Amino acid sequence: MRGFYNIFKQDFLNLVKNPMWLFYVFAFPVLLVGVMGFFMEGSYGGEITSYDYYGISLMIYGALNAATIGANSFMEERIKAGNMRIIFSPQPDASLYLSKIAASFLFTEIAYLIDFGILHFVFGVNIGGTYTGYVLMVLTVAILFSSALGVMCCCIFKSENITNQILSTVLTILCLLGGVFFSLDGFGETVRKICLLSPVKWILNTLFAIIYDRELGQVLPTILLLAAGTVILVGLCRVFFHKEDYV
């Protein structure tokens, strides 16, 4: 257990020391919400402002992009040498990929808790009031799922670049269908049904139901689906991770 903690601590510090990731998780979401909220102001009515909509939707987008952080923490070139030393140490194979998942999850989780506070107090984003805890629970499990997804893809494709190209394309499509950048609900019933194929749409609907309807019926199913997906992804990491491929 101590060996795993030491690996996890080093993985976490590698992320904290990376200026690009610090900007990406702390400053970029806030700036993006500010810009989108300003330019789309007045487009979402009175009850839900543009800052409310993008404050929630773009935080989902950011949570899902924890997958790229997981991939970076696993296979970035400057980290590979340290990882190879771990591979040839007496630590279990699972310590390598589990520590990457845990480190990218914690790094992203801390950043987005801070970002949520900034969005609420600076832009007045409605994050649920007394129901904020439920919003954070859903996003927390989404971040864990995304972290596991990034590491799992690295285990399969053996390349950070290939993994990030695939993830960025897939996540962007899912977020477009999910209405993260703009709602597609006005394009007719057929488009709405297609959008429901995106898990991002489920998460977005769940969060808006919590915040504006005080409806918690979708919370448990969403969390269970994301948690089950995380378990499956970790299982796939175990299947596809081989020391000889990594070397």
Protein backbone atom coordinates (compact mmCIF):
# COMPACT_ATOMS: atom_id res chain seq x y z
CA MET A 1 0.00 0.00 0.00
CA ARG A 2 2.86 2.36 0.82
CA GLY A 3 4.40 1.64 -2.58
CA PHE A 4 1.15 2.59 -4.31
CA TYR A 5 0.94 5.80 -2.29
CA ASN A 6 4.46 6.82 -3.32
CA ILE A 7 3.68 6.20 -7.00
CA PHE A 8 0.37 8.08 -6.70
CA LYS A 9 2.06 11.03 -4.97
CA GLN A 10 4.67 11.31 -7.72
CA ASP A 11 2.00 11.10 -10.44
CA PHE A 12 -0.02 13.82 -8.73
CA LEU A 13 3.03 16.07 -8.34
CA ASN A 14 3.86 15.60 -12.03
CA LEU A 15 0.45 17.02 -12.90
CA VAL A 16 0.69 19.87 -10.40
CA LYS A 17 4.11 20.88 -11.76
CA ASN A 18 2.85 21.02 -15.35
CA PRO A 19 1.94 24.68 -16.17
CA MET A 20 -0.14 23.63 -19.19
CA TRP A 21 -2.43 21.42 -17.13
CA LEU A 22 -2.69 24.00 -14.35
CA PHE A 23 -3.94 26.56 -16.88
CA TYR A 24 -6.19 23.99 -18.56
CA VAL A 25 -8.06 22.95 -15.42
CA PHE A 26 -8.02 26.18 -13.40
CA ALA A 27 -8.13 29.14 -15.81
CA PHE A 28 -9.42 27.82 -19.14
CA PRO A 29 -12.91 26.68 -17.95
CA VAL A 30 -13.54 30.00 -16.19
CA LEU A 31 -12.40 32.02 -19.21
CA LEU A 32 -14.46 29.88 -21.58
CA VAL A 33 -17.62 30.25 -19.50
CA GLY A 34 -17.03 33.99 -19.25
CA VAL A 35 -16.61 34.40 -23.01
CA MET A 36 -19.52 32.13 -24.00
CA GLY A 37 -21.77 33.58 -21.32
CA PHE A 38 -21.05 37.13 -22.47
CA PHE A 39 -21.62 36.52 -26.18
CA MET A 40 -24.75 34.42 -25.65
CA GLU A 41 -26.25 36.66 -22.98
CA GLY A 42 -30.01 36.92 -23.35
CA SER A 43 -30.31 33.75 -25.44
CA TYR A 44 -31.59 31.49 -22.66
CA GLY A 45 -34.41 33.48 -21.10
CA GLY A 46 -34.71 34.76 -17.58
CA GLU A 47 -34.71 31.70 -15.34
CA ILE A 48 -31.62 30.17 -16.92
CA THR A 49 -29.01 32.75 -17.93
CA SER A 50 -26.28 32.10 -20.49
CA TYR A 51 -23.78 31.97 -17.63
CA ASP A 52 -25.90 29.34 -15.88
CA TYR A 53 -26.13 27.21 -19.02
CA TYR A 54 -22.47 27.35 -19.97
CA GLY A 55 -21.33 27.23 -16.37
CA ILE A 56 -22.86 23.76 -16.06
CA SER A 57 -22.47 22.44 -19.60
CA LEU A 58 -18.83 23.47 -20.02
CA MET A 59 -17.96 22.03 -16.61
CA ILE A 60 -19.29 18.72 -17.91
CA TYR A 61 -17.08 19.15 -20.96
CA GLY A 62 -14.12 19.84 -18.70
CA ALA A 63 -14.92 16.86 -16.48
CA LEU A 64 -14.94 14.55 -19.49
CA ASN A 65 -11.64 15.97 -20.68
CA ALA A 66 -10.08 14.51 -17.54
CA ALA A 67 -9.52 11.61 -19.93
CA THR A 68 -6.76 13.57 -21.67
CA ILE A 69 -5.16 14.35 -18.31
CA GLY A 70 -5.19 10.64 -17.49
CA ALA A 71 -3.55 9.86 -20.82
CA ASN A 72 -0.94 12.55 -20.25
CA SER A 73 -0.10 11.27 -16.77
CA PHE A 74 0.33 7.77 -18.19
CA MET A 75 2.40 8.23 -21.34
CA GLU A 76 3.86 11.71 -21.55
CA GLU A 77 7.48 11.38 -22.74
CA ARG A 78 9.10 12.99 -19.69
CA ILE A 79 7.20 10.62 -17.38
CA LYS A 80 7.99 7.39 -19.22
CA ALA A 81 11.44 6.90 -17.71
CA GLY A 82 10.05 6.99 -14.18
CA ASN A 83 7.25 4.64 -15.16
CA MET A 84 9.70 2.11 -16.56
CA ARG A 85 11.55 2.05 -13.25
CA ILE A 86 8.23 1.25 -11.58
CA ILE A 87 7.53 -1.50 -14.10
CA PHE A 88 10.76 -3.29 -13.19
CA SER A 89 10.22 -2.83 -9.46
CA PRO A 90 8.43 -5.45 -7.33
CA GLN A 91 5.20 -3.41 -7.39
CA PRO A 92 2.04 -5.08 -8.82
CA ASP A 93 1.29 -4.15 -12.44
CA ALA A 94 -2.02 -2.60 -11.38
CA SER A 95 -0.19 0.01 -9.30
CA LEU A 96 0.94 1.80 -12.47
CA TYR A 97 -2.42 2.36 -14.12
CA LEU A 98 -4.46 2.69 -10.91
CA SER A 99 -2.14 5.43 -9.63
CA LYS A 100 -2.57 7.35 -12.91
CA ILE A 101 -6.35 7.12 -12.64
CA ALA A 102 -6.30 8.23 -9.00
CA ALA A 103 -3.87 11.12 -9.61
CA SER A 104 -5.70 12.53 -12.64
CA PHE A 105 -9.03 12.18 -10.80
CA LEU A 106 -7.84 14.02 -7.69
CA PHE A 107 -6.09 16.73 -9.70
CA THR A 108 -9.16 17.42 -11.82
CA GLU A 109 -11.56 17.16 -8.89
CA ILE A 110 -9.71 19.75 -6.82
CA ALA A 111 -9.48 22.11 -9.80
CA TYR A 112 -13.17 21.89 -10.62
CA LEU A 113 -14.28 22.41 -7.04
CA ILE A 114 -12.33 25.68 -7.10
CA ASP A 115 -13.66 26.56 -10.56
CA PHE A 116 -17.24 25.99 -9.44
CA GLY A 117 -16.73 28.41 -6.57
CA ILE A 118 -15.29 31.04 -8.92
CA LEU A 119 -18.13 30.60 -11.44
CA HIS A 120 -20.72 30.94 -8.69
CA PHE A 121 -19.29 34.03 -7.00
CA VAL A 122 -17.94 35.85 -10.08
CA PHE A 123 -20.56 35.04 -12.74
CA GLY A 124 -23.48 34.13 -10.49
CA VAL A 125 -23.78 30.62 -11.94
CA ASN A 126 -26.55 28.65 -10.26
CA ILE A 127 -24.91 25.45 -9.01
CA GLY A 128 -27.91 24.08 -7.13
CA GLY A 129 -28.08 25.95 -3.82
CA THR A 130 -28.88 23.40 -1.12
CA TYR A 131 -28.72 20.71 -3.82
CA THR A 132 -25.14 21.53 -4.83
CA GLY A 133 -23.89 18.34 -3.20
CA TYR A 134 -25.88 16.23 -5.67
CA VAL A 135 -24.47 18.21 -8.60
CA LEU A 136 -20.94 17.67 -7.33
CA MET A 137 -21.56 13.95 -6.79
CA VAL A 138 -22.58 13.46 -10.41
CA LEU A 139 -19.62 15.46 -11.72
CA THR A 140 -17.23 13.65 -9.38
CA VAL A 141 -18.21 10.25 -10.74
CA ALA A 142 -18.02 11.66 -14.29
CA ILE A 143 -14.44 12.81 -13.62
CA LEU A 144 -13.52 9.38 -12.24
CA PHE A 145 -15.04 7.70 -15.31
CA SER A 146 -13.14 10.03 -17.66
CA SER A 147 -9.85 9.51 -15.85
CA ALA A 148 -10.24 5.75 -16.21
CA LEU A 149 -11.21 6.16 -19.87
CA GLY A 150 -8.01 8.04 -20.71
CA VAL A 151 -5.77 5.50 -19.00
CA MET A 152 -7.66 2.58 -20.55
CA CYS A 153 -7.19 4.02 -24.04
CA CYS A 154 -3.46 4.34 -23.38
CA CYS A 155 -3.37 0.67 -22.37
CA ILE A 156 -5.01 -0.24 -25.69
CA PHE A 157 -3.31 2.14 -28.14
CA LYS A 158 0.11 2.38 -26.38
CA SER A 159 0.41 6.02 -27.46
CA GLU A 160 -0.55 9.31 -25.82
CA ASN A 161 -0.89 11.09 -29.17
CA ILE A 162 -3.20 8.49 -30.71
CA THR A 163 -5.21 8.30 -27.50
CA ASN A 164 -5.68 12.08 -27.34
CA GLN A 165 -6.66 12.30 -31.02
CA ILE A 166 -9.31 9.62 -30.59
CA LEU A 167 -10.56 10.97 -27.26
CA SER A 168 -10.79 14.58 -28.44
CA THR A 169 -12.80 13.54 -31.49
CA VAL A 170 -15.16 11.20 -29.65
CA LEU A 171 -15.71 13.53 -26.69
CA THR A 172 -16.33 16.53 -28.94
CA ILE A 173 -18.99 14.60 -30.90
CA LEU A 174 -20.65 13.39 -27.68
CA CYS A 175 -20.61 16.92 -26.26
CA LEU A 176 -22.07 18.38 -29.45
CA LEU A 177 -24.90 15.85 -29.35
CA GLY A 178 -25.27 16.43 -25.62
CA GLY A 179 -25.88 20.16 -26.11
CA VAL A 180 -22.77 21.31 -24.28
CA PHE A 181 -21.90 24.11 -26.72
CA PHE A 182 -25.47 24.89 -27.82
CA SER A 183 -28.79 23.13 -27.43
CA LEU A 184 -29.98 21.01 -30.36
CA ASP A 185 -33.48 20.51 -28.95
CA GLY A 186 -34.91 23.10 -31.32
CA PHE A 187 -34.02 21.04 -34.39
CA GLY A 188 -36.97 18.67 -34.10
CA GLU A 189 -37.96 15.39 -32.49
CA THR A 190 -35.60 13.26 -34.58
CA VAL A 191 -32.56 15.29 -33.54
CA ARG A 192 -33.67 15.16 -29.90
CA LYS A 193 -33.83 11.36 -30.04
CA ILE A 194 -30.38 11.17 -31.63
CA CYS A 195 -29.01 13.44 -28.90
CA LEU A 196 -30.26 11.03 -26.24
CA LEU A 197 -27.70 8.52 -27.54
CA SER A 198 -24.99 10.70 -25.99
CA PRO A 199 -24.28 10.00 -22.30
CA VAL A 200 -23.35 13.67 -22.04
CA LYS A 201 -27.02 14.51 -22.62
CA TRP A 202 -27.99 12.25 -19.71
CA ILE A 203 -25.55 14.02 -17.41
CA LEU A 204 -26.67 17.47 -18.55
CA ASN A 205 -30.35 16.59 -18.09
CA THR A 206 -29.60 15.16 -14.65
CA LEU A 207 -27.79 18.30 -13.50
CA PHE A 208 -30.44 20.69 -14.82
CA ALA A 209 -33.15 18.56 -13.21
CA ILE A 210 -31.33 18.85 -9.87
CA ILE A 211 -30.67 22.59 -10.12
CA TYR A 212 -33.94 23.88 -11.57
CA ASP A 213 -36.55 21.23 -10.78
CA ARG A 214 -35.13 19.93 -7.47
CA GLU A 215 -35.68 16.51 -9.04
CA LEU A 216 -33.33 13.76 -7.82
CA GLY A 217 -34.84 10.79 -9.64
CA GLN A 218 -32.09 10.72 -12.28
CA VAL A 219 -29.19 11.09 -9.86
CA LEU A 220 -28.79 7.49 -8.71
CA PRO A 221 -29.17 5.90 -12.18
CA THR A 222 -26.63 8.34 -13.65
CA ILE A 223 -24.13 7.72 -10.86
CA LEU A 224 -24.58 3.95 -11.07
CA LEU A 225 -24.10 3.94 -14.85
CA LEU A 226 -20.92 6.02 -14.59
CA ALA A 227 -19.63 3.91 -11.70
CA ALA A 228 -20.32 0.68 -13.59
CA GLY A 229 -18.57 2.13 -16.63
CA THR A 230 -15.56 3.00 -14.46
CA VAL A 231 -15.33 -0.57 -13.13
CA ILE A 232 -15.47 -1.91 -16.70
CA LEU A 233 -12.75 0.49 -17.83
CA VAL A 234 -10.46 -0.52 -14.96
CA GLY A 235 -11.09 -4.16 -15.87
CA LEU A 236 -10.08 -3.39 -19.46
CA CYS A 237 -6.90 -1.73 -18.18
CA ARG A 238 -6.03 -4.99 -16.46
CA VAL A 239 -6.68 -6.95 -19.66
CA PHE A 240 -4.75 -4.71 -22.06
CA PHE A 241 -1.85 -3.52 -19.89
CA HIS A 242 1.32 -5.49 -20.58
CA LYS A 243 4.76 -4.47 -19.38
CA GLU A 244 6.48 -5.55 -22.59
CA ASP A 245 4.22 -3.32 -24.71
CA TYR A 246 4.88 -0.31 -22.54
CA VAL A 247 8.63 -0.74 -22.76
